[in-house]
PDB file of all heavy atoms in Angstrom:
ATOM      1  N   GLY A   1      -6.799  -2.186  12.506  1.00  0.00           N
ATOM      2  CA  GLY A   1      -6.319  -1.496  11.318  1.00  0.00           C
ATOM      3  C   GLY A   1      -5.009  -0.761  11.553  1.00  0.00           C
ATOM      4  O   GLY A   1      -4.138  -0.723  10.685  1.00  0.00           O
ATOM      5  N   CYS A   2      -4.860  -0.175  12.753  1.00  0.00           N
ATOM      6  CA  CYS A   2      -3.618   0.538  13.082  1.00  0.00           C
ATOM      7  C   CYS A   2      -2.452  -0.435  13.185  1.00  0.00           C
ATOM      8  O   CYS A   2      -1.334  -0.128  12.759  1.00  0.00           O
ATOM      9  CB  CYS A   2      -3.782   1.310  14.395  1.00  0.00           C
ATOM     10  SG  CYS A   2      -4.964   2.684  14.306  1.00  0.00           S
ATOM     11  N   LEU A   3      -2.710  -1.616  13.753  1.00  0.00           N
ATOM     12  CA  LEU A   3      -1.654  -2.618  13.887  1.00  0.00           C
ATOM     13  C   LEU A   3      -1.221  -3.157  12.528  1.00  0.00           C
ATOM     14  O   LEU A   3      -0.040  -3.454  12.319  1.00  0.00           O
ATOM     15  CB  LEU A   3      -2.133  -3.768  14.776  1.00  0.00           C
ATOM     16  CG  LEU A   3      -2.287  -3.437  16.267  1.00  0.00           C
ATOM     17  CD1 LEU A   3      -2.870  -4.622  17.016  1.00  0.00           C
ATOM     18  CD2 LEU A   3      -0.947  -3.043  16.879  1.00  0.00           C
ATOM     19  N   VAL A   4      -2.183  -3.277  11.610  1.00  0.00           N
ATOM     20  CA  VAL A   4      -1.838  -3.739  10.260  1.00  0.00           C
ATOM     21  C   VAL A   4      -0.816  -2.799   9.628  1.00  0.00           C
ATOM     22  O   VAL A   4       0.137  -3.231   8.965  1.00  0.00           O
ATOM     23  CB  VAL A   4      -3.110  -3.820   9.390  1.00  0.00           C
ATOM     24  CG1 VAL A   4      -2.739  -4.052   7.921  1.00  0.00           C
ATOM     25  CG2 VAL A   4      -4.012  -4.946   9.878  1.00  0.00           C
ATOM     26  N   LYS A   5      -0.978  -1.502   9.865  1.00  0.00           N
ATOM     27  CA  LYS A   5      -0.054  -0.508   9.300  1.00  0.00           C
ATOM     28  C   LYS A   5       1.320  -0.552   9.963  1.00  0.00           C
ATOM     29  O   LYS A   5       2.304  -0.068   9.401  1.00  0.00           O
ATOM     30  CB  LYS A   5      -0.647   0.889   9.428  1.00  0.00           C
ATOM     31  CG  LYS A   5      -1.940   1.079   8.651  1.00  0.00           C
ATOM     32  CD  LYS A   5      -2.525   2.467   8.899  1.00  0.00           C
ATOM     33  CE  LYS A   5      -3.845   2.644   8.176  1.00  0.00           C
ATOM     34  NZ  LYS A   5      -4.444   3.979   8.452  1.00  0.00           N
ATOM     35  N   LEU A   6       1.381  -1.094  11.193  1.00  0.00           N
ATOM     36  CA  LEU A   6       2.634  -1.125  11.934  1.00  0.00           C
ATOM     37  C   LEU A   6       3.465  -2.381  11.671  1.00  0.00           C
ATOM     38  O   LEU A   6       4.614  -2.465  12.110  1.00  0.00           O
ATOM     39  CB  LEU A   6       2.361  -1.029  13.445  1.00  0.00           C
ATOM     40  CG  LEU A   6       1.761   0.291  13.947  1.00  0.00           C
ATOM     41  CD1 LEU A   6       1.459   0.194  15.441  1.00  0.00           C
ATOM     42  CD2 LEU A   6       2.708   1.449  13.683  1.00  0.00           C
ATOM     43  N   VAL A   7       2.891  -3.357  10.973  1.00  0.00           N
ATOM     44  CA  VAL A   7       3.608  -4.609  10.700  1.00  0.00           C
ATOM     45  C   VAL A   7       4.776  -4.340   9.756  1.00  0.00           C
ATOM     46  O   VAL A   7       4.625  -3.700   8.717  1.00  0.00           O
ATOM     47  CB  VAL A   7       2.667  -5.664  10.089  1.00  0.00           C
ATOM     48  CG1 VAL A   7       3.450  -6.921   9.714  1.00  0.00           C
ATOM     49  CG2 VAL A   7       1.562  -6.023  11.069  1.00  0.00           C
ATOM     50  N   LYS A   8       5.963  -4.821  10.157  1.00  0.00           N
ATOM     51  CA  LYS A   8       7.155  -4.674   9.331  1.00  0.00           C
ATOM     52  C   LYS A   8       7.828  -6.032   9.164  1.00  0.00           C
ATOM     53  O   LYS A   8       7.696  -6.911  10.021  1.00  0.00           O
ATOM     54  CB  LYS A   8       8.134  -3.682   9.962  1.00  0.00           C
ATOM     55  CG  LYS A   8       7.623  -2.257   9.994  1.00  0.00           C
ATOM     56  CD  LYS A   8       8.661  -1.319  10.596  1.00  0.00           C
ATOM     57  CE  LYS A   8       8.154   0.116  10.615  1.00  0.00           C
ATOM     58  NZ  LYS A   8       9.152   1.052  11.201  1.00  0.00           N
ATOM     59  N   LYS A   9       8.562  -6.169   8.092  1.00  0.00           N
ATOM     60  CA  LYS A   9       9.291  -7.413   7.824  1.00  0.00           C
ATOM     61  C   LYS A   9      10.686  -7.288   8.413  1.00  0.00           C
ATOM     62  O   LYS A   9      11.405  -6.318   8.173  1.00  0.00           O
ATOM     63  CB  LYS A   9       9.365  -7.645   6.324  1.00  0.00           C
ATOM     64  CG  LYS A   9       9.705  -9.065   5.932  1.00  0.00           C
ATOM     65  CD  LYS A   9       8.498  -9.981   6.037  1.00  0.00           C
ATOM     66  CE  LYS A   9       8.858 -11.416   5.649  1.00  0.00           C
ATOM     67  NZ  LYS A   9       9.213 -11.538   4.229  1.00  0.00           N
ATOM     68  N   LYS A  10      11.091  -8.261   9.228  1.00  0.00           N
ATOM     69  CA  LYS A  10      12.425  -8.294   9.813  1.00  0.00           C
ATOM     70  C   LYS A  10      12.975  -9.685   9.596  1.00  0.00           C
ATOM     71  O   LYS A  10      12.655 -10.623  10.325  1.00  0.00           O
ATOM     72  CB  LYS A  10      12.369  -7.964  11.304  1.00  0.00           C
ATOM     73  CG  LYS A  10      13.729  -7.759  11.938  1.00  0.00           C
ATOM     74  CD  LYS A  10      13.600  -7.302  13.381  1.00  0.00           C
ATOM     75  CE  LYS A  10      14.956  -7.038  13.993  1.00  0.00           C
ATOM     76  NZ  LYS A  10      14.863  -6.582  15.414  1.00  0.00           N
ATOM     77  N   GLY A  11      13.827  -9.792   8.587  1.00  0.00           N
ATOM     78  CA  GLY A  11      14.304 -11.125   8.214  1.00  0.00           C
ATOM     79  C   GLY A  11      13.154 -11.942   7.656  1.00  0.00           C
ATOM     80  O   GLY A  11      12.450 -11.521   6.738  1.00  0.00           O
ATOM     81  N   ARG A  12      12.938 -13.102   8.257  1.00  0.00           N
ATOM     82  CA  ARG A  12      11.827 -13.954   7.830  1.00  0.00           C
ATOM     83  C   ARG A  12      10.580 -13.736   8.667  1.00  0.00           C
ATOM     84  O   ARG A  12       9.552 -14.367   8.421  1.00  0.00           O
ATOM     85  CB  ARG A  12      12.243 -15.422   7.929  1.00  0.00           C
ATOM     86  CG  ARG A  12      13.391 -15.811   6.989  1.00  0.00           C
ATOM     87  CD  ARG A  12      13.697 -17.294   7.109  1.00  0.00           C
ATOM     88  NE  ARG A  12      14.762 -17.700   6.187  1.00  0.00           N
ATOM     89  CZ  ARG A  12      15.221 -18.937   6.096  1.00  0.00           C
ATOM     90  NH1 ARG A  12      14.703 -19.892   6.875  1.00  0.00           N
ATOM     91  NH2 ARG A  12      16.177 -19.226   5.227  1.00  0.00           N
ATOM     92  N   ASN A  13      10.675 -12.880   9.644  1.00  0.00           N
ATOM     93  CA  ASN A  13       9.561 -12.672  10.568  1.00  0.00           C
ATOM     94  C   ASN A  13       8.842 -11.363  10.294  1.00  0.00           C
ATOM     95  O   ASN A  13       9.411 -10.412   9.740  1.00  0.00           O
ATOM     96  CB  ASN A  13      10.064 -12.665  12.021  1.00  0.00           C
ATOM     97  CG  ASN A  13      10.715 -13.977  12.405  1.00  0.00           C
ATOM     98  OD1 ASN A  13      10.220 -15.045  12.060  1.00  0.00           O
ATOM     99  ND2 ASN A  13      11.831 -13.900  13.116  1.00  0.00           N
ATOM    100  N   HIS A  14       7.589 -11.344  10.693  1.00  0.00           N
ATOM    101  CA  HIS A  14       6.808 -10.109  10.694  1.00  0.00           C
ATOM    102  C   HIS A  14       6.738  -9.620  12.143  1.00  0.00           C
ATOM    103  O   HIS A  14       6.415 -10.396  13.041  1.00  0.00           O
ATOM    104  CB  HIS A  14       5.392 -10.342  10.162  1.00  0.00           C
ATOM    105  CG  HIS A  14       5.344 -10.694   8.717  1.00  0.00           C
ATOM    106  ND1 HIS A  14       5.543 -11.989   8.252  1.00  0.00           N
ATOM    107  CD2 HIS A  14       5.146  -9.923   7.606  1.00  0.00           C
ATOM    108  CE1 HIS A  14       5.454 -11.992   6.941  1.00  0.00           C
ATOM    109  NE2 HIS A  14       5.207 -10.758   6.515  1.00  0.00           N
ATOM    110  N   ILE A  15       7.055  -8.363  12.361  1.00  0.00           N
ATOM    111  CA  ILE A  15       7.060  -7.836  13.724  1.00  0.00           C
ATOM    112  C   ILE A  15       6.274  -6.530  13.803  1.00  0.00           C
ATOM    113  O   ILE A  15       6.058  -5.841  12.797  1.00  0.00           O
ATOM    114  CB  ILE A  15       8.492  -7.593  14.245  1.00  0.00           C
ATOM    115  CG1 ILE A  15       9.170  -6.497  13.438  1.00  0.00           C
ATOM    116  CG2 ILE A  15       9.310  -8.859  14.234  1.00  0.00           C
ATOM    117  CD1 ILE A  15      10.385  -5.901  14.105  1.00  0.00           C
ATOM    118  N   ILE A  16       5.860  -6.224  15.030  1.00  0.00           N
ATOM    119  CA  ILE A  16       5.271  -4.922  15.353  1.00  0.00           C
ATOM    120  C   ILE A  16       6.027  -4.390  16.564  1.00  0.00           C
ATOM    121  O   ILE A  16       6.214  -5.111  17.542  1.00  0.00           O
ATOM    122  CB  ILE A  16       3.770  -5.040  15.684  1.00  0.00           C
ATOM    123  CG1 ILE A  16       2.962  -5.340  14.420  1.00  0.00           C
ATOM    124  CG2 ILE A  16       3.253  -3.738  16.330  1.00  0.00           C
ATOM    125  CD1 ILE A  16       1.475  -5.527  14.677  1.00  0.00           C
ATOM    126  N   THR A  17       6.474  -3.161  16.490  1.00  0.00           N
ATOM    127  CA  THR A  17       7.093  -2.507  17.646  1.00  0.00           C
ATOM    128  C   THR A  17       6.019  -1.701  18.361  1.00  0.00           C
ATOM    129  O   THR A  17       5.429  -0.784  17.770  1.00  0.00           O
ATOM    130  CB  THR A  17       8.244  -1.580  17.214  1.00  0.00           C
ATOM    131  OG1 THR A  17       9.229  -2.346  16.511  1.00  0.00           O
ATOM    132  CG2 THR A  17       8.895  -0.933  18.438  1.00  0.00           C
ATOM    133  N   CYS A  18       5.742  -2.072  19.608  1.00  0.00           N
ATOM    134  CA  CYS A  18       4.682  -1.404  20.369  1.00  0.00           C
ATOM    135  C   CYS A  18       4.993   0.095  20.467  1.00  0.00           C
ATOM    136  O   CYS A  18       6.074   0.479  20.917  1.00  0.00           O
ATOM    137  CB  CYS A  18       4.566  -2.006  21.767  1.00  0.00           C
ATOM    138  SG  CYS A  18       3.342  -1.161  22.813  1.00  0.00           S
ATOM    139  N   PRO A  19       4.062   0.951  20.057  1.00  0.00           N
ATOM    140  CA  PRO A  19       4.298   2.400  20.105  1.00  0.00           C
ATOM    141  C   PRO A  19       4.517   2.936  21.522  1.00  0.00           C
ATOM    142  O   PRO A  19       5.109   4.005  21.687  1.00  0.00           O
ATOM    143  CB  PRO A  19       3.011   2.987  19.502  1.00  0.00           C
ATOM    144  CG  PRO A  19       2.432   1.885  18.679  1.00  0.00           C
ATOM    145  CD  PRO A  19       2.770   0.631  19.425  1.00  0.00           C
ATOM    146  N   GLU A  20       4.036   2.199  22.541  1.00  0.00           N
ATOM    147  CA  GLU A  20       4.131   2.708  23.911  1.00  0.00           C
ATOM    148  C   GLU A  20       5.372   2.209  24.642  1.00  0.00           C
ATOM    149  O   GLU A  20       6.112   3.000  25.239  1.00  0.00           O
ATOM    150  CB  GLU A  20       2.870   2.343  24.698  1.00  0.00           C
ATOM    151  CG  GLU A  20       1.625   3.047  24.180  1.00  0.00           C
ATOM    152  CD  GLU A  20       0.398   2.720  24.988  1.00  0.00           C
ATOM    153  OE1 GLU A  20       0.366   3.042  26.191  1.00  0.00           O
ATOM    154  OE2 GLU A  20      -0.543   2.130  24.413  1.00  0.00           O
ATOM    155  N   CYS A  21       5.625   0.901  24.648  1.00  0.00           N
ATOM    156  CA  CYS A  21       6.760   0.364  25.412  1.00  0.00           C
ATOM    157  C   CYS A  21       7.924  -0.068  24.516  1.00  0.00           C
ATOM    158  O   CYS A  21       8.952  -0.525  25.025  1.00  0.00           O
ATOM    159  CB  CYS A  21       6.310  -0.812  26.281  1.00  0.00           C
ATOM    160  SG  CYS A  21       5.777  -2.282  25.355  1.00  0.00           S
ATOM    161  N   ARG A  22       7.780   0.036  23.183  1.00  0.00           N
ATOM    162  CA  ARG A  22       8.822  -0.270  22.209  1.00  0.00           C
ATOM    163  C   ARG A  22       9.232  -1.741  22.198  1.00  0.00           C
ATOM    164  O   ARG A  22      10.296  -2.091  21.698  1.00  0.00           O
ATOM    165  CB  ARG A  22      10.077   0.592  22.439  1.00  0.00           C
ATOM    166  CG  ARG A  22       9.820   2.071  22.583  1.00  0.00           C
ATOM    167  CD  ARG A  22       8.969   2.643  21.476  1.00  0.00           C
ATOM    168  NE  ARG A  22       9.602   2.488  20.173  1.00  0.00           N
ATOM    169  CZ  ARG A  22       8.976   2.705  19.011  1.00  0.00           C
ATOM    170  NH1 ARG A  22       7.694   3.059  19.010  1.00  0.00           N
ATOM    171  NH2 ARG A  22       9.609   2.553  17.872  1.00  0.00           N
ATOM    172  N   GLN A  23       8.414  -2.611  22.742  1.00  0.00           N
ATOM    173  CA  GLN A  23       8.728  -4.038  22.717  1.00  0.00           C
ATOM    174  C   GLN A  23       8.367  -4.607  21.354  1.00  0.00           C
ATOM    175  O   GLN A  23       7.305  -4.310  20.800  1.00  0.00           O
ATOM    176  CB  GLN A  23       7.960  -4.777  23.805  1.00  0.00           C
ATOM    177  CG  GLN A  23       8.242  -6.276  23.826  1.00  0.00           C
ATOM    178  CD  GLN A  23       7.596  -6.964  25.018  1.00  0.00           C
ATOM    179  OE1 GLN A  23       7.438  -6.376  26.064  1.00  0.00           O
ATOM    180  NE2 GLN A  23       7.208  -8.211  24.842  1.00  0.00           N
ATOM    181  N   GLU A  24       9.274  -5.430  20.804  1.00  0.00           N
ATOM    182  CA  GLU A  24       9.020  -6.043  19.504  1.00  0.00           C
ATOM    183  C   GLU A  24       8.167  -7.298  19.672  1.00  0.00           C
ATOM    184  O   GLU A  24       8.428  -8.127  20.549  1.00  0.00           O
ATOM    185  CB  GLU A  24      10.330  -6.389  18.802  1.00  0.00           C
ATOM    186  CG  GLU A  24      11.069  -5.183  18.249  1.00  0.00           C
ATOM    187  CD  GLU A  24      12.224  -5.582  17.347  1.00  0.00           C
ATOM    188  OE1 GLU A  24      12.506  -6.791  17.248  1.00  0.00           O
ATOM    189  OE2 GLU A  24      12.835  -4.678  16.746  1.00  0.00           O
ATOM    190  N   VAL A  25       7.159  -7.434  18.821  1.00  0.00           N
ATOM    191  CA  VAL A  25       6.221  -8.556  18.890  1.00  0.00           C
ATOM    192  C   VAL A  25       6.214  -9.270  17.538  1.00  0.00           C
ATOM    193  O   VAL A  25       6.077  -8.631  16.489  1.00  0.00           O
ATOM    194  CB  VAL A  25       4.790  -8.071  19.220  1.00  0.00           C
ATOM    195  CG1 VAL A  25       3.830  -9.249  19.250  1.00  0.00           C
ATOM    196  CG2 VAL A  25       4.784  -7.341  20.560  1.00  0.00           C
ATOM    197  N   LYS A  26       6.414 -10.593  17.555  1.00  0.00           N
ATOM    198  CA  LYS A  26       6.341 -11.372  16.325  1.00  0.00           C
ATOM    199  C   LYS A  26       4.876 -11.621  15.970  1.00  0.00           C
ATOM    200  O   LYS A  26       4.083 -12.040  16.810  1.00  0.00           O
ATOM    201  CB  LYS A  26       7.079 -12.696  16.486  1.00  0.00           C
ATOM    202  CG  LYS A  26       8.595 -12.564  16.530  1.00  0.00           C
ATOM    203  CD  LYS A  26       9.255 -13.923  16.582  1.00  0.00           C
ATOM    204  CE  LYS A  26      10.774 -13.804  16.624  1.00  0.00           C
ATOM    205  NZ  LYS A  26      11.427 -15.125  16.681  1.00  0.00           N
ATOM    206  N   ILE A  27       4.522 -11.394  14.723  1.00  0.00           N
ATOM    207  CA  ILE A  27       3.153 -11.608  14.239  1.00  0.00           C
ATOM    208  C   ILE A  27       3.184 -12.774  13.266  1.00  0.00           C
ATOM    209  O   ILE A  27       3.834 -12.702  12.208  1.00  0.00           O
ATOM    210  CB  ILE A  27       2.607 -10.348  13.540  1.00  0.00           C
ATOM    211  CG1 ILE A  27       2.703  -9.129  14.461  1.00  0.00           C
ATOM    212  CG2 ILE A  27       1.170 -10.569  13.102  1.00  0.00           C
ATOM    213  CD1 ILE A  27       1.909  -9.258  15.741  1.00  0.00           C
ATOM    214  N   THR A  28       2.529 -13.867  13.638  1.00  0.00           N
ATOM    215  CA  THR A  28       2.527 -15.075  12.816  1.00  0.00           C
ATOM    216  C   THR A  28       1.978 -14.789  11.431  1.00  0.00           C
ATOM    217  O   THR A  28       0.831 -14.339  11.283  1.00  0.00           O
ATOM    218  CB  THR A  28       1.692 -16.182  13.488  1.00  0.00           C
ATOM    219  OG1 THR A  28       2.171 -16.393  14.814  1.00  0.00           O
ATOM    220  CG2 THR A  28       1.793 -17.479  12.701  1.00  0.00           C
ATOM    221  N   ASN A  29       2.832 -15.002  10.427  1.00  0.00           N
ATOM    222  CA  ASN A  29       2.453 -14.774   9.021  1.00  0.00           C
ATOM    223  C   ASN A  29       1.959 -13.353   8.774  1.00  0.00           C
ATOM    224  O   ASN A  29       1.285 -13.093   7.766  1.00  0.00           O
ATOM    225  CB  ASN A  29       1.383 -15.782   8.578  1.00  0.00           C
ATOM    226  CG  ASN A  29       1.869 -17.218   8.674  1.00  0.00           C
ATOM    227  OD1 ASN A  29       3.047 -17.493   8.411  1.00  0.00           O
ATOM    228  ND2 ASN A  29       0.988 -18.129   9.064  1.00  0.00           N
ATOM    229  N   GLY A  30       2.263 -12.444   9.681  1.00  0.00           N
ATOM    230  CA  GLY A  30       1.842 -11.058   9.516  1.00  0.00           C
ATOM    231  C   GLY A  30       0.359 -10.849   9.684  1.00  0.00           C
ATOM    232  O   GLY A  30      -0.179  -9.796   9.341  1.00  0.00           O
ATOM    233  N   ASP A  31      -0.344 -11.876  10.231  1.00  0.00           N
ATOM    234  CA  ASP A  31      -1.805 -11.808  10.388  1.00  0.00           C
ATOM    235  C   ASP A  31      -2.159 -11.220  11.748  1.00  0.00           C
ATOM    236  O   ASP A  31      -2.137 -11.914  12.769  1.00  0.00           O
ATOM    237  CB  ASP A  31      -2.403 -13.209  10.233  1.00  0.00           C
ATOM    238  CG  ASP A  31      -3.938 -13.174  10.239  1.00  0.00           C
ATOM    239  OD1 ASP A  31      -4.510 -12.075  10.319  1.00  0.00           O
ATOM    240  OD2 ASP A  31      -4.541 -14.269  10.172  1.00  0.00           O
ATOM    241  N   VAL A  32      -2.506  -9.937  11.777  1.00  0.00           N
ATOM    242  CA  VAL A  32      -2.880  -9.256  13.016  1.00  0.00           C
ATOM    243  C   VAL A  32      -4.175  -9.826  13.592  1.00  0.00           C
ATOM    244  O   VAL A  32      -4.407  -9.788  14.792  1.00  0.00           O
ATOM    245  CB  VAL A  32      -3.019  -7.733  12.750  1.00  0.00           C
ATOM    246  CG1 VAL A  32      -3.590  -7.022  13.960  1.00  0.00           C
ATOM    247  CG2 VAL A  32      -1.674  -7.142  12.388  1.00  0.00           C
ATOM    248  N   GLY A  33      -5.008 -10.388  12.737  1.00  0.00           N
ATOM    249  CA  GLY A  33      -6.284 -10.928  13.189  1.00  0.00           C
ATOM    250  C   GLY A  33      -6.149 -12.062  14.187  1.00  0.00           C
ATOM    251  O   GLY A  33      -7.082 -12.359  14.929  1.00  0.00           O
ATOM    252  N   LYS A  34      -4.963 -12.719  14.244  1.00  0.00           N
ATOM    253  CA  LYS A  34      -4.760 -13.820  15.183  1.00  0.00           C
ATOM    254  C   LYS A  34      -4.453 -13.348  16.592  1.00  0.00           C
ATOM    255  O   LYS A  34      -4.405 -14.149  17.522  1.00  0.00           O
ATOM    256  CB  LYS A  34      -3.627 -14.722  14.686  1.00  0.00           C
ATOM    257  CG  LYS A  34      -3.971 -15.473  13.406  1.00  0.00           C
ATOM    258  CD  LYS A  34      -2.849 -16.401  12.967  1.00  0.00           C
ATOM    259  CE  LYS A  34      -3.221 -17.165  11.704  1.00  0.00           C
ATOM    260  NZ  LYS A  34      -2.148 -18.072  11.269  1.00  0.00           N
ATOM    261  N   LEU A  35      -4.242 -12.057  16.756  1.00  0.00           N
ATOM    262  CA  LEU A  35      -4.016 -11.513  18.108  1.00  0.00           C
ATOM    263  C   LEU A  35      -5.309 -11.564  18.905  1.00  0.00           C
ATOM    264  O   LEU A  35      -6.406 -11.540  18.351  1.00  0.00           O
ATOM    265  CB  LEU A  35      -3.521 -10.059  18.025  1.00  0.00           C
ATOM    266  CG  LEU A  35      -2.122  -9.839  17.448  1.00  0.00           C
ATOM    267  CD1 LEU A  35      -1.886  -8.351  17.210  1.00  0.00           C
ATOM    268  CD2 LEU A  35      -1.057 -10.397  18.381  1.00  0.00           C
ATOM    269  N   GLN A  36      -5.175 -11.620  20.227  1.00  0.00           N
ATOM    270  CA  GLN A  36      -6.345 -11.651  21.093  1.00  0.00           C
ATOM    271  C   GLN A  36      -7.126 -10.344  20.984  1.00  0.00           C
ATOM    272  O   GLN A  36      -6.547  -9.261  20.888  1.00  0.00           O
ATOM    273  CB  GLN A  36      -5.915 -11.840  22.549  1.00  0.00           C
ATOM    274  CG  GLN A  36      -5.337 -13.199  22.866  1.00  0.00           C
ATOM    275  CD  GLN A  36      -6.414 -14.250  23.083  1.00  0.00           C
ATOM    276  OE1 GLN A  36      -7.599 -13.945  23.046  1.00  0.00           O
ATOM    277  NE2 GLN A  36      -6.006 -15.477  23.323  1.00  0.00           N
ATOM    278  N   SER A  37      -8.440 -10.452  21.008  1.00  0.00           N
ATOM    279  CA  SER A  37      -9.284  -9.254  21.041  1.00  0.00           C
ATOM    280  C   SER A  37      -9.411  -8.768  22.477  1.00  0.00           C
ATOM    281  O   SER A  37      -9.417  -9.563  23.417  1.00  0.00           O
ATOM    282  CB  SER A  37     -10.685  -9.560  20.486  1.00  0.00           C
ATOM    283  OG  SER A  37     -10.612  -9.917  19.119  1.00  0.00           O
ATOM    284  N   ASN A  38      -9.498  -7.470  22.637  1.00  0.00           N
ATOM    285  CA  ASN A  38      -9.684  -6.898  23.973  1.00  0.00           C
ATOM    286  C   ASN A  38     -11.172  -6.934  24.284  1.00  0.00           C
ATOM    287  O   ASN A  38     -11.923  -6.005  23.962  1.00  0.00           O
ATOM    288  CB  ASN A  38      -9.147  -5.464  24.031  1.00  0.00           C
ATOM    289  CG  ASN A  38      -9.082  -4.943  25.449  1.00  0.00           C
ATOM    290  OD1 ASN A  38      -9.936  -5.253  26.271  1.00  0.00           O
ATOM    291  ND2 ASN A  38      -8.072  -4.144  25.736  1.00  0.00           N
ATOM    292  N   PHE A  39     -11.612  -8.031  24.926  1.00  0.00           N
ATOM    293  CA  PHE A  39     -13.045  -8.241  25.146  1.00  0.00           C
ATOM    294  C   PHE A  39     -13.657  -7.214  26.079  1.00  0.00           C
ATOM    295  O   PHE A  39     -14.789  -6.787  25.902  1.00  0.00           O
ATOM    296  CB  PHE A  39     -13.309  -9.662  25.673  1.00  0.00           C
ATOM    297  CG  PHE A  39     -12.603  -9.993  26.965  1.00  0.00           C
ATOM    298  CD1 PHE A  39     -13.181  -9.698  28.171  1.00  0.00           C
ATOM    299  CD2 PHE A  39     -11.353 -10.607  26.947  1.00  0.00           C
ATOM    300  CE1 PHE A  39     -12.536 -10.012  29.360  1.00  0.00           C
ATOM    301  CE2 PHE A  39     -10.703 -10.917  28.124  1.00  0.00           C
ATOM    302  CZ  PHE A  39     -11.295 -10.613  29.341  1.00  0.00           C
ATOM    303  N   TRP A  40     -12.888  -6.780  27.120  1.00  0.00           N
ATOM    304  CA  TRP A  40     -13.513  -5.852  28.059  1.00  0.00           C
ATOM    305  C   TRP A  40     -13.643  -4.446  27.468  1.00  0.00           C
ATOM    306  O   TRP A  40     -14.564  -3.705  27.817  1.00  0.00           O
ATOM    307  CB  TRP A  40     -12.770  -5.840  29.384  1.00  0.00           C
ATOM    308  CG  TRP A  40     -11.396  -5.304  29.418  1.00  0.00           C
ATOM    309  CD1 TRP A  40     -10.239  -6.001  29.337  1.00  0.00           C
ATOM    310  CD2 TRP A  40     -11.008  -3.927  29.554  1.00  0.00           C
ATOM    311  NE1 TRP A  40      -9.154  -5.155  29.401  1.00  0.00           N
ATOM    312  CE2 TRP A  40      -9.591  -3.883  29.545  1.00  0.00           C
ATOM    313  CE3 TRP A  40     -11.707  -2.727  29.689  1.00  0.00           C
ATOM    314  CZ2 TRP A  40      -8.880  -2.704  29.650  1.00  0.00           C
ATOM    315  CZ3 TRP A  40     -10.987  -1.549  29.803  1.00  0.00           C
ATOM    316  CH2 TRP A  40      -9.601  -1.541  29.780  1.00  0.00           C
TER     317      TRP A  40
END
């Protein structure tokens, strides 16, 4: 849910800027659900 709020539109891409290391991450179609779950 927190990542959904962080998704921003940049050009034609959806990105999230990591709050900790500030690295930009492309999110396919803005769907956060496609990211890997932290199983451990």
